[in-house]
Amino acid sequence: MVRESVSRSELDRATDSKVLSVLLIDGTIVTFTPEGGRYIERIGESQLYRSIVGVTTAGKVIEIHPDSTLEIQTEREVANVPATVLLVILGVAATVGGFFLLLALSFWAGH
């Protein structure tokens, strides 16, 4: 998991992220439940509609317009590419090694 702090001008980066909390212009901090809030964009009446929606830790359903925010704390999952590559390499090495072991045993058994 990667936590980031984004400004309202960078909010489009948060479309695939969970919103943890929002700092409003008036200084209020809105904290969401562990499920997090979401940043959404949709077209409505020929214009782009943007908002942050979710349930606060106080149990209140809330919708926040991005223009009323200073900072948004987000969290997103990141694939662990090095670990995945290592597993693939080890899997290939085990397969190739096993093949050569079987080949050597079959030659040995044949003599």
N, C-alpha and C. Protein backbone atom coordinates (compact mmCIF):
# COMPACT_ATOMS: atom_id res chain seq x y z
N MET A 1 0.84 -1.18 0.00
CA MET A 1 0.00 0.00 0.00
C MET A 1 0.88 1.24 0.00
N VAL A 2 0.46 2.20 -0.79
CA VAL A 2 1.18 3.46 -0.87
C VAL A 2 0.23 4.57 -0.44
N ARG A 3 0.68 5.36 0.51
CA ARG A 3 -0.11 6.52 0.95
C ARG A 3 0.46 7.76 0.30
N GLU A 4 -0.45 8.61 -0.19
CA GLU A 4 -0.04 9.84 -0.84
C GLU A 4 -0.90 10.99 -0.35
N SER A 5 -0.32 12.16 -0.41
CA SER A 5 -1.05 13.39 -0.15
C SER A 5 -1.15 14.13 -1.48
N VAL A 6 -2.37 14.40 -1.92
CA VAL A 6 -2.56 15.08 -3.20
C VAL A 6 -3.35 16.35 -2.99
N SER A 7 -3.06 17.34 -3.82
CA SER A 7 -3.83 18.59 -3.78
C SER A 7 -5.04 18.44 -4.68
N ARG A 8 -5.95 19.39 -4.61
CA ARG A 8 -7.16 19.28 -5.44
C ARG A 8 -6.84 19.33 -6.93
N SER A 9 -5.73 19.99 -7.31
CA SER A 9 -5.36 20.05 -8.72
C SER A 9 -4.81 18.71 -9.22
N GLU A 10 -4.38 17.85 -8.30
CA GLU A 10 -3.84 16.53 -8.66
C GLU A 10 -4.85 15.41 -8.39
N LEU A 11 -6.07 15.78 -8.08
CA LEU A 11 -7.06 14.81 -7.62
C LEU A 11 -7.38 13.74 -8.65
N ASP A 12 -7.22 14.02 -9.93
CA ASP A 12 -7.50 13.01 -10.94
C ASP A 12 -6.59 11.80 -10.80
N ARG A 13 -5.45 11.95 -10.10
CA ARG A 13 -4.56 10.82 -9.82
C ARG A 13 -5.18 9.86 -8.81
N ALA A 14 -6.21 10.29 -8.11
CA ALA A 14 -6.79 9.51 -7.01
C ALA A 14 -7.99 8.68 -7.44
N THR A 15 -8.26 8.56 -8.74
CA THR A 15 -9.45 7.83 -9.16
C THR A 15 -9.41 6.35 -8.78
N ASP A 16 -8.23 5.77 -8.68
CA ASP A 16 -8.10 4.35 -8.30
C ASP A 16 -7.64 4.19 -6.86
N SER A 17 -7.76 5.23 -6.07
CA SER A 17 -7.27 5.20 -4.69
C SER A 17 -8.42 5.31 -3.70
N LYS A 18 -8.14 4.85 -2.50
CA LYS A 18 -9.06 5.02 -1.38
C LYS A 18 -8.72 6.35 -0.73
N VAL A 19 -9.73 7.18 -0.47
CA VAL A 19 -9.51 8.45 0.21
C VAL A 19 -9.60 8.21 1.71
N LEU A 20 -8.51 8.50 2.42
CA LEU A 20 -8.46 8.29 3.86
C LEU A 20 -9.01 9.48 4.63
N SER A 21 -8.58 10.68 4.20
CA SER A 21 -9.04 11.90 4.87
C SER A 21 -8.89 13.08 3.93
N VAL A 22 -9.60 14.15 4.29
CA VAL A 22 -9.59 15.37 3.49
C VAL A 22 -9.42 16.55 4.43
N LEU A 23 -8.50 17.44 4.08
CA LEU A 23 -8.33 18.71 4.80
C LEU A 23 -9.08 19.77 4.01
N LEU A 24 -10.11 20.35 4.64
CA LEU A 24 -10.92 21.37 3.98
C LEU A 24 -10.28 22.74 4.11
N ILE A 25 -10.70 23.67 3.27
CA ILE A 25 -10.16 25.03 3.28
C ILE A 25 -10.35 25.69 4.64
N ASP A 26 -11.46 25.39 5.33
CA ASP A 26 -11.71 26.01 6.64
C ASP A 26 -10.92 25.36 7.78
N GLY A 27 -10.07 24.37 7.45
CA GLY A 27 -9.24 23.73 8.46
C GLY A 27 -9.81 22.45 9.03
N THR A 28 -11.04 22.13 8.68
CA THR A 28 -11.68 20.90 9.15
C THR A 28 -11.03 19.69 8.48
N ILE A 29 -10.80 18.66 9.28
CA ILE A 29 -10.29 17.39 8.73
C ILE A 29 -11.43 16.39 8.75
N VAL A 30 -11.76 15.85 7.58
CA VAL A 30 -12.79 14.83 7.45
C VAL A 30 -12.08 13.50 7.30
N THR A 31 -12.35 12.56 8.21
CA THR A 31 -11.72 11.24 8.17
C THR A 31 -12.78 10.21 7.82
N PHE A 32 -12.44 9.34 6.87
CA PHE A 32 -13.38 8.32 6.41
C PHE A 32 -13.17 7.01 7.16
N THR A 33 -14.18 6.16 7.10
CA THR A 33 -14.12 4.82 7.69
C THR A 33 -12.99 4.04 7.02
N PRO A 34 -12.61 2.88 7.58
CA PRO A 34 -11.54 2.09 6.96
C PRO A 34 -11.78 1.71 5.50
N GLU A 35 -13.04 1.65 5.08
CA GLU A 35 -13.34 1.36 3.67
C GLU A 35 -12.93 2.53 2.79
N GLY A 36 -12.84 3.71 3.37
CA GLY A 36 -12.39 4.90 2.65
C GLY A 36 -13.46 5.56 1.83
N GLY A 37 -13.17 6.80 1.50
CA GLY A 37 -14.02 7.54 0.57
C GLY A 37 -13.51 7.29 -0.84
N ARG A 38 -14.22 7.82 -1.81
CA ARG A 38 -13.83 7.67 -3.22
C ARG A 38 -13.95 9.01 -3.94
N TYR A 39 -13.01 9.23 -4.83
CA TYR A 39 -13.10 10.38 -5.72
C TYR A 39 -13.81 9.90 -6.97
N ILE A 40 -14.86 10.61 -7.37
CA ILE A 40 -15.60 10.21 -8.56
C ILE A 40 -15.70 11.37 -9.54
N GLU A 41 -15.74 11.02 -10.82
CA GLU A 41 -15.96 11.97 -11.90
C GLU A 41 -17.05 11.38 -12.78
N ARG A 42 -18.01 12.21 -13.17
CA ARG A 42 -19.04 11.75 -14.10
C ARG A 42 -19.56 12.95 -14.89
N ILE A 43 -20.08 12.66 -16.05
CA ILE A 43 -20.66 13.71 -16.89
C ILE A 43 -22.12 13.86 -16.50
N GLY A 44 -22.51 15.07 -16.23
CA GLY A 44 -23.89 15.37 -15.89
C GLY A 44 -24.32 16.67 -16.53
N GLU A 45 -25.37 16.64 -17.30
CA GLU A 45 -25.89 17.83 -17.98
C GLU A 45 -24.79 18.58 -18.73
N SER A 46 -24.05 17.84 -19.54
CA SER A 46 -23.01 18.39 -20.43
C SER A 46 -21.81 19.00 -19.70
N GLN A 47 -21.60 18.63 -18.46
CA GLN A 47 -20.42 19.11 -17.74
C GLN A 47 -19.87 18.01 -16.85
N LEU A 48 -18.60 18.15 -16.53
CA LEU A 48 -17.94 17.17 -15.66
C LEU A 48 -18.29 17.46 -14.21
N TYR A 49 -18.76 16.43 -13.51
CA TYR A 49 -19.12 16.55 -12.11
C TYR A 49 -18.09 15.78 -11.30
N ARG A 50 -17.45 16.44 -10.34
CA ARG A 50 -16.41 15.81 -9.52
C ARG A 50 -16.77 15.93 -8.05
N SER A 51 -16.51 14.87 -7.29
CA SER A 51 -16.73 14.94 -5.85
C SER A 51 -16.02 13.80 -5.14
N ILE A 52 -15.85 13.97 -3.84
CA ILE A 52 -15.33 12.94 -2.96
C ILE A 52 -16.50 12.51 -2.10
N VAL A 53 -16.78 11.21 -2.11
CA VAL A 53 -17.93 10.70 -1.35
C VAL A 53 -17.48 9.57 -0.44
N GLY A 54 -18.20 9.42 0.67
CA GLY A 54 -17.89 8.33 1.58
C GLY A 54 -18.60 8.49 2.91
N VAL A 55 -18.28 7.59 3.82
CA VAL A 55 -18.86 7.61 5.16
C VAL A 55 -17.75 8.01 6.13
N THR A 56 -18.01 9.02 6.94
CA THR A 56 -17.01 9.49 7.90
C THR A 56 -16.95 8.54 9.09
N THR A 57 -15.90 8.70 9.88
CA THR A 57 -15.76 7.88 11.09
C THR A 57 -16.88 8.16 12.09
N ALA A 58 -17.58 9.29 11.92
CA ALA A 58 -18.73 9.61 12.76
C ALA A 58 -20.01 8.97 12.23
N GLY A 59 -19.91 8.23 11.11
CA GLY A 59 -21.07 7.54 10.55
C GLY A 59 -21.92 8.38 9.62
N LYS A 60 -21.42 9.54 9.21
CA LYS A 60 -22.18 10.45 8.36
C LYS A 60 -21.78 10.25 6.89
N VAL A 61 -22.78 10.08 6.01
CA VAL A 61 -22.52 10.02 4.58
C VAL A 61 -22.26 11.45 4.12
N ILE A 62 -21.15 11.63 3.39
CA ILE A 62 -20.73 12.98 3.04
C ILE A 62 -20.30 13.03 1.59
N GLU A 63 -20.53 14.18 0.97
CA GLU A 63 -20.06 14.46 -0.38
C GLU A 63 -19.34 15.80 -0.33
N ILE A 64 -18.11 15.80 -0.81
CA ILE A 64 -17.27 17.00 -0.73
C ILE A 64 -16.88 17.43 -2.14
N HIS A 65 -17.10 18.69 -2.45
CA HIS A 65 -16.67 19.23 -3.74
C HIS A 65 -15.16 19.50 -3.65
N PRO A 66 -14.40 19.10 -4.66
CA PRO A 66 -12.94 19.28 -4.60
C PRO A 66 -12.47 20.72 -4.38
N ASP A 67 -13.25 21.70 -4.84
CA ASP A 67 -12.85 23.10 -4.66
C ASP A 67 -12.83 23.53 -3.19
N SER A 68 -13.47 22.76 -2.31
CA SER A 68 -13.48 23.11 -0.89
C SER A 68 -12.35 22.41 -0.13
N THR A 69 -11.43 21.74 -0.85
CA THR A 69 -10.35 20.99 -0.21
C THR A 69 -9.00 21.66 -0.39
N LEU A 70 -8.11 21.40 0.57
CA LEU A 70 -6.71 21.82 0.45
C LEU A 70 -5.82 20.63 0.15
N GLU A 71 -6.10 19.51 0.83
CA GLU A 71 -5.25 18.32 0.73
C GLU A 71 -6.09 17.07 0.92
N ILE A 72 -5.75 16.04 0.16
CA ILE A 72 -6.46 14.77 0.24
C ILE A 72 -5.44 13.67 0.50
N GLN A 73 -5.65 12.89 1.56
CA GLN A 73 -4.79 11.75 1.88
C GLN A 73 -5.39 10.51 1.23
N THR A 74 -4.61 9.82 0.40
CA THR A 74 -5.11 8.64 -0.29
C THR A 74 -4.23 7.43 -0.02
N GLU A 75 -4.75 6.27 -0.37
CA GLU A 75 -4.01 5.02 -0.24
C GLU A 75 -4.36 4.16 -1.43
N ARG A 76 -3.35 3.56 -2.05
CA ARG A 76 -3.60 2.68 -3.19
C ARG A 76 -2.66 1.49 -3.14
N GLU A 77 -3.10 0.42 -3.78
CA GLU A 77 -2.27 -0.78 -3.85
C GLU A 77 -1.32 -0.64 -5.02
N VAL A 78 -0.11 -1.13 -4.82
CA VAL A 78 0.90 -1.11 -5.86
C VAL A 78 1.40 -2.53 -6.03
N ALA A 79 1.44 -2.98 -7.26
CA ALA A 79 1.96 -4.32 -7.53
C ALA A 79 3.44 -4.36 -7.20
N ASN A 80 3.88 -5.44 -6.58
CA ASN A 80 5.27 -5.60 -6.22
C ASN A 80 5.99 -6.24 -7.41
N VAL A 81 6.39 -5.41 -8.37
CA VAL A 81 6.98 -5.90 -9.62
C VAL A 81 8.26 -6.68 -9.38
N PRO A 82 9.22 -6.22 -8.57
CA PRO A 82 10.44 -7.00 -8.37
C PRO A 82 10.17 -8.40 -7.82
N ALA A 83 9.25 -8.52 -6.89
CA ALA A 83 8.94 -9.84 -6.31
C ALA A 83 8.30 -10.74 -7.36
N THR A 84 7.44 -10.20 -8.18
CA THR A 84 6.79 -10.99 -9.24
C THR A 84 7.81 -11.47 -10.25
N VAL A 85 8.72 -10.59 -10.65
CA VAL A 85 9.77 -10.97 -11.61
C VAL A 85 10.66 -12.06 -11.01
N LEU A 86 11.01 -11.93 -9.74
CA LEU A 86 11.84 -12.93 -9.07
C LEU A 86 11.14 -14.28 -9.04
N LEU A 87 9.85 -14.30 -8.74
CA LEU A 87 9.12 -15.56 -8.71
C LEU A 87 9.08 -16.21 -10.09
N VAL A 88 8.92 -15.41 -11.13
CA VAL A 88 8.92 -15.96 -12.49
C VAL A 88 10.28 -16.55 -12.82
N ILE A 89 11.34 -15.83 -12.49
CA ILE A 89 12.70 -16.32 -12.76
C ILE A 89 12.96 -17.62 -12.00
N LEU A 90 12.58 -17.67 -10.72
CA LEU A 90 12.77 -18.89 -9.94
C LEU A 90 11.95 -20.05 -10.49
N GLY A 91 10.74 -19.77 -10.94
CA GLY A 91 9.90 -20.80 -11.52
C GLY A 91 10.50 -21.37 -12.80
N VAL A 92 11.02 -20.49 -13.65
CA VAL A 92 11.67 -20.94 -14.89
C VAL A 92 12.92 -21.72 -14.56
N ALA A 93 13.72 -21.24 -13.62
CA ALA A 93 14.95 -21.94 -13.25
C ALA A 93 14.64 -23.33 -12.69
N ALA A 94 13.61 -23.45 -11.88
CA ALA A 94 13.23 -24.75 -11.32
C ALA A 94 12.77 -25.70 -12.42
N THR A 95 12.02 -25.18 -13.36
CA THR A 95 11.54 -26.01 -14.47
C THR A 95 12.69 -26.49 -15.33
N VAL A 96 13.60 -25.57 -15.69
CA VAL A 96 14.75 -25.94 -16.52
C VAL A 96 15.66 -26.90 -15.75
N GLY A 97 15.90 -26.62 -14.48
CA GLY A 97 16.73 -27.50 -13.66
C GLY A 97 16.13 -28.89 -13.54
N GLY A 98 14.82 -28.96 -13.35
CA GLY A 98 14.14 -30.24 -13.26
C GLY A 98 14.23 -31.02 -14.56
N PHE A 99 14.10 -30.30 -15.68
CA PHE A 99 14.22 -30.95 -16.99
C PHE A 99 15.60 -31.58 -17.16
N PHE A 100 16.65 -30.80 -16.85
CA PHE A 100 18.01 -31.32 -17.00
C PHE A 100 18.28 -32.47 -16.03
N LEU A 101 17.72 -32.43 -14.83
CA LEU A 101 17.87 -33.52 -13.89
C LEU A 101 17.23 -34.79 -14.43
N LEU A 102 16.03 -34.68 -14.96
CA LEU A 102 15.36 -35.84 -15.56
C LEU A 102 16.13 -36.37 -16.77
N LEU A 103 16.66 -35.47 -17.56
CA LEU A 103 17.46 -35.86 -18.73
C LEU A 103 18.70 -36.63 -18.28
N ALA A 104 19.38 -36.12 -17.26
CA ALA A 104 20.60 -36.78 -16.75
C ALA A 104 20.25 -38.15 -16.17
N LEU A 105 19.17 -38.24 -15.43
CA LEU A 105 18.76 -39.54 -14.85
C LEU A 105 18.40 -40.55 -15.93
N SER A 106 17.75 -40.07 -16.99
CA SER A 106 17.38 -41.01 -18.05
C SER A 106 18.62 -41.52 -18.78
N PHE A 107 19.64 -40.68 -18.98
CA PHE A 107 20.88 -41.13 -19.59
C PHE A 107 21.62 -42.11 -18.67
N TRP A 108 21.63 -41.81 -17.38
CA TRP A 108 22.30 -42.65 -16.42
C TRP A 108 21.62 -44.02 -16.33
N ALA A 109 20.30 -44.01 -16.31
CA ALA A 109 19.54 -45.26 -16.24
C ALA A 109 19.70 -46.09 -17.51
N GLY A 110 19.95 -45.42 -18.62
CA GLY A 110 20.11 -46.12 -19.88
C GLY A 110 21.44 -46.82 -20.02
N HIS A 111 22.42 -46.48 -19.22
CA HIS A 111 23.77 -47.11 -19.31
C HIS A 111 23.93 -48.20 -18.33
